[in-house]
Amino acid sequence: MQNQILENINKAQEKKRPNFRVGDRVNVSVRLKEGEKERIQAFKGLVISKSPKSGKGPGATFTVRKISEGVGVERIFPVHSPFIEKIVVETSSEVRRSRLYFLRELKGKKARLKEAERFGAEMLAEETAEPAAVAPETAEAKAPEVAPKA
């Protein structure tokens, strides 16, 4: 009985977030309160870890690392925090580890990750939507040109 109540509370507090993995370059928009005013601050960086590894659950967190004026800055965000306005995945990289802590010691070109092509639902939806909109116009224009000459 208590487990069901806790599960319902946890599900109510969870927010819908995009799927992102370790190795993705993300832009996290955080709502900050300064005195009576509120503003949104962007934190752009590389996701170097998720806890737990699945990144699911009410207590899930992720760590984002960026280089600011030559100094490495890491920030840990709760996935379902009400202070996170949105998370935008900018690029994805091919990684073979679940924690990218080794990047802390690397600088410059050695700290680069190999970019990967994302084959997520969003990318496939974008690719299929564009040709459908362009196809009818090009089909009519190409039809007379393709016809065999006699």
N, C-alpha and C. Protein backbone atom coordinates (compact mmCIF):
# COMPACT_ATOMS: atom_id res chain seq x y z
N MET A 1 0.82 -1.20 0.00
CA MET A 1 0.00 0.00 0.00
C MET A 1 0.87 1.26 0.00
N GLN A 2 1.87 1.30 0.88
CA GLN A 2 2.73 2.46 0.94
C GLN A 2 3.55 2.60 -0.33
N ASN A 3 3.97 1.45 -0.90
CA ASN A 3 4.74 1.51 -2.13
C ASN A 3 3.94 2.14 -3.26
N GLN A 4 2.66 1.81 -3.35
CA GLN A 4 1.81 2.39 -4.40
C GLN A 4 1.65 3.89 -4.20
N ILE A 5 1.50 4.33 -2.98
CA ILE A 5 1.35 5.75 -2.68
C ILE A 5 2.63 6.49 -3.06
N LEU A 6 3.79 5.93 -2.69
CA LEU A 6 5.06 6.55 -3.03
C LEU A 6 5.27 6.60 -4.54
N GLU A 7 4.91 5.52 -5.23
CA GLU A 7 5.04 5.50 -6.70
C GLU A 7 4.17 6.57 -7.35
N ASN A 8 2.94 6.74 -6.87
CA ASN A 8 2.05 7.76 -7.42
C ASN A 8 2.58 9.17 -7.18
N ILE A 9 3.15 9.42 -6.01
CA ILE A 9 3.72 10.73 -5.70
C ILE A 9 4.92 10.99 -6.60
N ASN A 10 5.77 9.98 -6.75
CA ASN A 10 6.96 10.14 -7.59
C ASN A 10 6.59 10.39 -9.05
N LYS A 11 5.60 9.68 -9.55
CA LYS A 11 5.18 9.88 -10.95
C LYS A 11 4.57 11.26 -11.15
N ALA A 12 3.88 11.78 -10.15
CA ALA A 12 3.28 13.10 -10.26
C ALA A 12 4.34 14.19 -10.32
N GLN A 13 5.48 13.97 -9.66
CA GLN A 13 6.52 14.98 -9.63
C GLN A 13 7.44 14.92 -10.84
N GLU A 14 7.44 13.79 -11.56
CA GLU A 14 8.32 13.66 -12.73
C GLU A 14 7.83 14.55 -13.86
N LYS A 15 8.80 15.13 -14.57
CA LYS A 15 8.48 15.99 -15.71
C LYS A 15 8.97 15.31 -16.97
N LYS A 16 8.35 15.64 -18.08
CA LYS A 16 8.75 15.05 -19.35
C LYS A 16 10.02 15.77 -19.83
N ARG A 17 11.07 15.00 -20.02
CA ARG A 17 12.36 15.53 -20.46
C ARG A 17 12.77 14.77 -21.73
N PRO A 18 13.56 15.40 -22.59
CA PRO A 18 14.02 14.71 -23.79
C PRO A 18 15.00 13.60 -23.42
N ASN A 19 15.09 12.61 -24.30
CA ASN A 19 16.06 11.54 -24.07
C ASN A 19 17.45 12.07 -24.41
N PHE A 20 18.34 12.02 -23.46
CA PHE A 20 19.72 12.40 -23.70
C PHE A 20 20.60 11.39 -23.01
N ARG A 21 21.81 11.25 -23.55
CA ARG A 21 22.72 10.24 -23.04
C ARG A 21 24.02 10.90 -22.60
N VAL A 22 24.87 10.10 -21.98
CA VAL A 22 26.20 10.56 -21.64
C VAL A 22 26.94 10.78 -22.95
N GLY A 23 27.62 11.91 -23.08
CA GLY A 23 28.32 12.25 -24.32
C GLY A 23 27.57 13.25 -25.16
N ASP A 24 26.34 13.58 -24.80
CA ASP A 24 25.57 14.57 -25.54
C ASP A 24 25.95 15.97 -25.08
N ARG A 25 25.97 16.90 -26.02
CA ARG A 25 26.18 18.31 -25.68
C ARG A 25 24.78 18.90 -25.51
N VAL A 26 24.49 19.43 -24.32
CA VAL A 26 23.15 19.92 -24.00
C VAL A 26 23.17 21.38 -23.60
N ASN A 27 22.01 21.99 -23.70
CA ASN A 27 21.79 23.36 -23.24
C ASN A 27 20.69 23.28 -22.19
N VAL A 28 21.05 23.49 -20.93
CA VAL A 28 20.09 23.40 -19.83
C VAL A 28 19.69 24.81 -19.44
N SER A 29 18.40 25.11 -19.53
CA SER A 29 17.88 26.42 -19.13
C SER A 29 17.41 26.33 -17.68
N VAL A 30 18.08 27.07 -16.81
CA VAL A 30 17.80 27.01 -15.37
C VAL A 30 17.16 28.30 -14.93
N ARG A 31 16.10 28.19 -14.13
CA ARG A 31 15.42 29.36 -13.60
C ARG A 31 16.10 29.76 -12.30
N LEU A 32 16.62 30.99 -12.26
CA LEU A 32 17.29 31.51 -11.07
C LEU A 32 16.45 32.61 -10.43
N LYS A 33 16.46 32.64 -9.10
CA LYS A 33 15.74 33.67 -8.38
C LYS A 33 16.77 34.58 -7.73
N GLU A 34 16.75 35.86 -8.10
CA GLU A 34 17.66 36.85 -7.54
C GLU A 34 16.82 37.94 -6.89
N GLY A 35 16.73 37.88 -5.59
CA GLY A 35 15.87 38.82 -4.87
C GLY A 35 14.41 38.50 -5.19
N GLU A 36 13.71 39.47 -5.76
CA GLU A 36 12.31 39.25 -6.14
C GLU A 36 12.19 38.88 -7.62
N LYS A 37 13.27 39.07 -8.37
CA LYS A 37 13.22 38.81 -9.80
C LYS A 37 13.63 37.37 -10.12
N GLU A 38 13.08 36.87 -11.23
CA GLU A 38 13.47 35.56 -11.74
C GLU A 38 14.01 35.73 -13.14
N ARG A 39 15.03 34.96 -13.47
CA ARG A 39 15.56 34.96 -14.83
C ARG A 39 15.97 33.56 -15.20
N ILE A 40 16.17 33.35 -16.50
CA ILE A 40 16.58 32.04 -17.00
C ILE A 40 18.02 32.14 -17.47
N GLN A 41 18.85 31.23 -16.99
CA GLN A 41 20.26 31.19 -17.37
C GLN A 41 20.54 29.88 -18.09
N ALA A 42 21.26 29.96 -19.20
CA ALA A 42 21.61 28.78 -19.98
C ALA A 42 22.95 28.23 -19.50
N PHE A 43 23.02 26.91 -19.38
CA PHE A 43 24.27 26.24 -19.03
C PHE A 43 24.52 25.22 -20.14
N LYS A 44 25.46 25.52 -21.04
CA LYS A 44 25.77 24.66 -22.17
C LYS A 44 27.00 23.84 -21.85
N GLY A 45 26.91 22.54 -22.07
CA GLY A 45 28.07 21.70 -21.80
C GLY A 45 27.83 20.26 -22.19
N LEU A 46 28.75 19.41 -21.78
CA LEU A 46 28.76 18.00 -22.13
C LEU A 46 28.26 17.19 -20.93
N VAL A 47 27.35 16.27 -21.17
CA VAL A 47 26.87 15.39 -20.11
C VAL A 47 27.95 14.35 -19.87
N ILE A 48 28.55 14.37 -18.66
CA ILE A 48 29.63 13.42 -18.38
C ILE A 48 29.17 12.26 -17.51
N SER A 49 27.99 12.37 -16.88
CA SER A 49 27.49 11.24 -16.10
C SER A 49 26.00 11.40 -15.84
N LYS A 50 25.38 10.26 -15.58
CA LYS A 50 23.98 10.22 -15.14
C LYS A 50 23.93 9.29 -13.95
N SER A 51 23.12 9.63 -12.98
CA SER A 51 22.97 8.80 -11.82
C SER A 51 21.49 8.63 -11.50
N PRO A 52 20.95 7.45 -11.43
CA PRO A 52 21.54 6.17 -11.78
C PRO A 52 21.86 6.10 -13.26
N LYS A 53 22.56 5.07 -13.68
CA LYS A 53 23.02 4.98 -15.06
C LYS A 53 21.88 5.06 -16.06
N SER A 54 20.70 4.58 -15.67
CA SER A 54 19.54 4.65 -16.57
C SER A 54 19.02 6.08 -16.67
N GLY A 55 19.28 6.92 -15.66
CA GLY A 55 18.80 8.29 -15.67
C GLY A 55 17.32 8.40 -15.39
N LYS A 56 16.73 7.33 -14.84
CA LYS A 56 15.29 7.33 -14.57
C LYS A 56 15.04 7.31 -13.08
N GLY A 57 13.85 7.72 -12.71
CA GLY A 57 13.47 7.73 -11.30
C GLY A 57 13.37 9.14 -10.76
N PRO A 58 12.75 9.29 -9.60
CA PRO A 58 12.53 10.63 -9.05
C PRO A 58 13.82 11.31 -8.59
N GLY A 59 14.83 10.55 -8.20
CA GLY A 59 16.06 11.15 -7.71
C GLY A 59 17.18 11.18 -8.74
N ALA A 60 16.84 11.02 -10.01
CA ALA A 60 17.85 10.95 -11.06
C ALA A 60 18.54 12.30 -11.23
N THR A 61 19.86 12.27 -11.45
CA THR A 61 20.63 13.47 -11.68
C THR A 61 21.55 13.28 -12.88
N PHE A 62 22.03 14.39 -13.42
CA PHE A 62 23.03 14.32 -14.47
C PHE A 62 24.03 15.45 -14.27
N THR A 63 25.27 15.20 -14.67
CA THR A 63 26.35 16.16 -14.49
C THR A 63 26.73 16.73 -15.84
N VAL A 64 26.80 18.05 -15.94
CA VAL A 64 27.17 18.74 -17.17
C VAL A 64 28.48 19.47 -16.93
N ARG A 65 29.42 19.33 -17.86
CA ARG A 65 30.73 19.98 -17.75
C ARG A 65 30.93 20.93 -18.91
N LYS A 66 31.43 22.13 -18.59
CA LYS A 66 31.77 23.09 -19.63
C LYS A 66 33.09 23.75 -19.26
N ILE A 67 33.73 24.36 -20.26
CA ILE A 67 34.95 25.11 -20.03
C ILE A 67 34.59 26.59 -20.13
N SER A 68 34.77 27.32 -19.04
CA SER A 68 34.45 28.73 -19.00
C SER A 68 35.72 29.53 -18.71
N GLU A 69 36.18 30.26 -19.72
CA GLU A 69 37.39 31.08 -19.62
C GLU A 69 38.59 30.25 -19.16
N GLY A 70 38.72 29.06 -19.74
CA GLY A 70 39.86 28.20 -19.45
C GLY A 70 39.74 27.38 -18.18
N VAL A 71 38.66 27.50 -17.47
CA VAL A 71 38.46 26.76 -16.22
C VAL A 71 37.29 25.81 -16.41
N GLY A 72 37.48 24.55 -16.02
CA GLY A 72 36.40 23.56 -16.12
C GLY A 72 35.37 23.78 -15.04
N VAL A 73 34.10 23.81 -15.43
CA VAL A 73 33.00 24.00 -14.49
C VAL A 73 32.03 22.84 -14.66
N GLU A 74 31.71 22.19 -13.55
CA GLU A 74 30.74 21.10 -13.58
C GLU A 74 29.56 21.47 -12.70
N ARG A 75 28.39 21.05 -13.16
CA ARG A 75 27.19 21.33 -12.39
C ARG A 75 26.31 20.10 -12.42
N ILE A 76 25.77 19.73 -11.28
CA ILE A 76 24.89 18.57 -11.17
C ILE A 76 23.46 19.05 -11.12
N PHE A 77 22.63 18.52 -12.01
CA PHE A 77 21.22 18.90 -12.08
C PHE A 77 20.34 17.71 -11.76
N PRO A 78 19.29 17.89 -10.96
CA PRO A 78 18.26 16.85 -10.84
C PRO A 78 17.42 16.87 -12.13
N VAL A 79 17.14 15.70 -12.66
CA VAL A 79 16.42 15.61 -13.94
C VAL A 79 15.03 16.23 -13.83
N HIS A 80 14.35 15.97 -12.73
CA HIS A 80 12.96 16.41 -12.59
C HIS A 80 12.81 17.65 -11.72
N SER A 81 13.83 18.48 -11.65
CA SER A 81 13.79 19.68 -10.84
C SER A 81 12.80 20.70 -11.43
N PRO A 82 12.02 21.37 -10.59
CA PRO A 82 11.12 22.40 -11.10
C PRO A 82 11.88 23.65 -11.56
N PHE A 83 13.16 23.79 -11.20
CA PHE A 83 13.94 24.95 -11.61
C PHE A 83 14.53 24.79 -13.01
N ILE A 84 14.48 23.60 -13.57
CA ILE A 84 14.96 23.40 -14.94
C ILE A 84 13.81 23.69 -15.88
N GLU A 85 13.97 24.72 -16.68
CA GLU A 85 12.94 25.14 -17.62
C GLU A 85 12.86 24.16 -18.80
N LYS A 86 14.03 23.89 -19.42
CA LYS A 86 14.06 22.94 -20.53
C LYS A 86 15.47 22.43 -20.72
N ILE A 87 15.56 21.29 -21.40
CA ILE A 87 16.84 20.69 -21.76
C ILE A 87 16.81 20.47 -23.26
N VAL A 88 17.80 21.04 -23.96
CA VAL A 88 17.87 20.91 -25.41
C VAL A 88 19.15 20.15 -25.76
N VAL A 89 19.00 19.05 -26.50
CA VAL A 89 20.16 18.27 -26.95
C VAL A 89 20.65 18.89 -28.24
N GLU A 90 21.90 19.38 -28.24
CA GLU A 90 22.45 20.03 -29.43
C GLU A 90 23.17 19.04 -30.33
N THR A 91 24.10 18.26 -29.78
CA THR A 91 24.80 17.25 -30.55
C THR A 91 24.97 16.00 -29.71
N SER A 92 25.32 14.92 -30.37
CA SER A 92 25.54 13.66 -29.70
C SER A 92 26.90 13.12 -30.10
N SER A 93 27.55 12.41 -29.21
CA SER A 93 28.86 11.85 -29.48
C SER A 93 28.84 10.35 -29.24
N GLU A 94 29.74 9.66 -29.95
CA GLU A 94 29.89 8.23 -29.73
C GLU A 94 30.80 8.03 -28.53
N VAL A 95 30.30 7.41 -27.49
CA VAL A 95 31.11 7.13 -26.31
C VAL A 95 30.94 5.67 -25.95
N ARG A 96 31.97 5.12 -25.29
CA ARG A 96 31.94 3.72 -24.91
C ARG A 96 31.95 3.56 -23.40
N ARG A 97 31.74 4.63 -22.69
CA ARG A 97 31.75 4.58 -21.23
C ARG A 97 30.48 5.27 -20.70
N SER A 98 30.12 4.91 -19.47
CA SER A 98 28.94 5.52 -18.87
C SER A 98 29.30 6.74 -18.03
N ARG A 99 30.59 6.90 -17.74
CA ARG A 99 31.07 8.07 -17.00
C ARG A 99 32.28 8.62 -17.75
N LEU A 100 32.26 9.90 -18.06
CA LEU A 100 33.35 10.50 -18.84
C LEU A 100 34.24 11.37 -17.96
N TYR A 101 34.58 10.86 -16.78
CA TYR A 101 35.41 11.63 -15.85
C TYR A 101 36.83 11.82 -16.37
N PHE A 102 37.27 11.01 -17.32
CA PHE A 102 38.63 11.15 -17.85
C PHE A 102 38.81 12.46 -18.60
N LEU A 103 37.71 13.11 -19.00
CA LEU A 103 37.81 14.39 -19.70
C LEU A 103 38.29 15.51 -18.80
N ARG A 104 38.25 15.31 -17.49
CA ARG A 104 38.69 16.35 -16.56
C ARG A 104 40.18 16.65 -16.70
N GLU A 105 40.97 15.64 -17.02
CA GLU A 105 42.41 15.82 -17.15
C GLU A 105 42.84 16.24 -18.54
N LEU A 106 41.96 16.10 -19.53
CA LEU A 106 42.34 16.39 -20.91
C LEU A 106 42.02 17.83 -21.28
N LYS A 107 42.84 18.39 -22.20
CA LYS A 107 42.62 19.75 -22.65
C LYS A 107 42.68 19.81 -24.16
N GLY A 108 42.04 20.81 -24.73
CA GLY A 108 42.15 21.09 -26.16
C GLY A 108 41.64 19.97 -27.04
N LYS A 109 42.43 19.63 -28.07
CA LYS A 109 42.00 18.64 -29.05
C LYS A 109 41.86 17.24 -28.46
N LYS A 110 42.62 16.96 -27.40
CA LYS A 110 42.55 15.63 -26.80
C LYS A 110 41.23 15.40 -26.08
N ALA A 111 40.53 16.47 -25.75
CA ALA A 111 39.26 16.36 -25.03
C ALA A 111 38.08 16.26 -25.98
N ARG A 112 38.35 16.18 -27.29
CA ARG A 112 37.25 16.08 -28.25
C ARG A 112 36.65 14.68 -28.24
N LEU A 113 35.37 14.61 -28.55
CA LEU A 113 34.69 13.33 -28.70
C LEU A 113 34.22 13.21 -30.14
N LYS A 114 34.15 11.99 -30.63
CA LYS A 114 33.72 11.75 -32.01
C LYS A 114 32.20 11.93 -32.09
N GLU A 115 31.76 12.82 -32.97
CA GLU A 115 30.33 13.07 -33.11
C GLU A 115 29.64 11.90 -33.76
N ALA A 116 28.42 11.65 -33.32
CA ALA A 116 27.62 10.55 -33.84
C ALA A 116 26.41 11.10 -34.55
N GLU A 117 25.91 10.34 -35.50
CA GLU A 117 24.65 10.70 -36.14
C GLU A 117 23.54 10.18 -35.25
N ARG A 118 22.62 11.05 -34.93
CA ARG A 118 21.51 10.63 -34.07
C ARG A 118 20.40 10.05 -34.90
N PHE A 119 19.98 8.85 -34.55
CA PHE A 119 18.88 8.20 -35.24
C PHE A 119 17.69 8.08 -34.29
N GLY A 120 17.41 9.17 -33.59
CA GLY A 120 16.28 9.18 -32.68
C GLY A 120 14.99 9.42 -33.44
N ALA A 121 13.90 9.36 -32.73
CA ALA A 121 12.59 9.58 -33.34
C ALA A 121 12.46 10.99 -33.88
N GLU A 122 13.10 11.95 -33.20
CA GLU A 122 13.02 13.34 -33.64
C GLU A 122 13.70 13.52 -34.99
N MET A 123 14.90 12.93 -35.14
CA MET A 123 15.65 13.08 -36.38
C MET A 123 14.93 12.39 -37.53
N LEU A 124 14.38 11.20 -37.29
CA LEU A 124 13.67 10.49 -38.34
C LEU A 124 12.41 11.24 -38.74
N ALA A 125 11.74 11.85 -37.78
CA ALA A 125 10.52 12.61 -38.09
C ALA A 125 10.86 13.82 -38.96
N GLU A 126 11.97 14.48 -38.67
CA GLU A 126 12.38 15.64 -39.46
C GLU A 126 12.74 15.24 -40.88
N GLU A 127 13.46 14.11 -41.03
CA GLU A 127 13.88 13.66 -42.35
C GLU A 127 12.70 13.25 -43.21
N THR A 128 11.72 12.57 -42.61
CA THR A 128 10.58 12.12 -43.40
C THR A 128 9.62 13.25 -43.71
N ALA A 129 9.56 14.28 -42.88
CA ALA A 129 8.64 15.39 -43.11
C ALA A 129 9.10 16.27 -44.27
N GLU A 130 10.39 16.49 -44.41
CA GLU A 130 10.89 17.38 -45.46
C GLU A 130 10.66 16.84 -46.87
N PRO A 131 10.99 15.58 -47.20
CA PRO A 131 10.79 15.12 -48.56
C PRO A 131 9.31 15.08 -48.96
N ALA A 132 8.41 14.81 -48.02
CA ALA A 132 6.99 14.76 -48.35
C ALA A 132 6.49 16.13 -48.80
N ALA A 133 6.98 17.18 -48.18
CA ALA A 133 6.54 18.53 -48.53
C ALA A 133 7.15 18.97 -49.86
N VAL A 134 8.34 18.49 -50.20
CA VAL A 134 9.02 18.91 -51.41
C VAL A 134 8.65 18.01 -52.59
N ALA A 135 8.32 16.76 -52.34
CA ALA A 135 8.12 15.77 -53.40
C ALA A 135 7.04 16.16 -54.41
N PRO A 136 5.83 16.62 -54.02
CA PRO A 136 4.82 16.92 -55.03
C PRO A 136 5.25 17.99 -56.03
N GLU A 137 5.96 18.99 -55.59
CA GLU A 137 6.39 20.06 -56.49
C GLU A 137 7.44 19.55 -57.46
N THR A 138 8.39 18.77 -56.96
CA THR A 138 9.46 18.28 -57.83
C THR A 138 8.97 17.19 -58.76
N ALA A 139 7.97 16.41 -58.35
CA ALA A 139 7.47 15.34 -59.20
C ALA A 139 6.81 15.91 -60.45
N GLU A 140 6.04 16.99 -60.29
CA GLU A 140 5.39 17.60 -61.45
C GLU A 140 6.41 18.25 -62.37
N ALA A 141 7.42 18.85 -61.79
CA ALA A 141 8.43 19.53 -62.59
C ALA A 141 9.30 18.54 -63.35
N LYS A 142 9.59 17.38 -62.76
CA LYS A 142 10.47 16.42 -63.39
C LYS A 142 9.74 15.50 -64.36
N ALA A 143 8.45 15.37 -64.27
CA ALA A 143 7.71 14.44 -65.11
C ALA A 143 7.92 14.71 -66.60
N PRO A 144 7.81 15.93 -67.12
CA PRO A 144 8.02 16.14 -68.54
C PRO A 144 9.47 15.89 -68.97
N GLU A 145 10.42 16.14 -68.09
CA GLU A 145 11.83 15.97 -68.44
C GLU A 145 12.21 14.49 -68.56
N VAL A 146 11.58 13.64 -67.76
CA VAL A 146 11.94 12.22 -67.74
C VAL A 146 11.31 11.48 -68.91
N ALA A 147 10.25 12.00 -69.49
CA ALA A 147 9.54 11.33 -70.57
C ALA A 147 10.50 11.03 -71.74
N PRO A 148 10.45 9.80 -72.30
CA PRO A 148 11.35 9.44 -73.41
C PRO A 148 10.98 10.21 -74.68
N LYS A 149 11.98 10.56 -75.46
CA LYS A 149 11.77 11.29 -76.70
C LYS A 149 11.63 10.29 -77.84
N ALA A 150 10.67 10.57 -78.72
CA ALA A 150 10.47 9.65 -79.85
C ALA A 150 10.85 10.26 -81.17
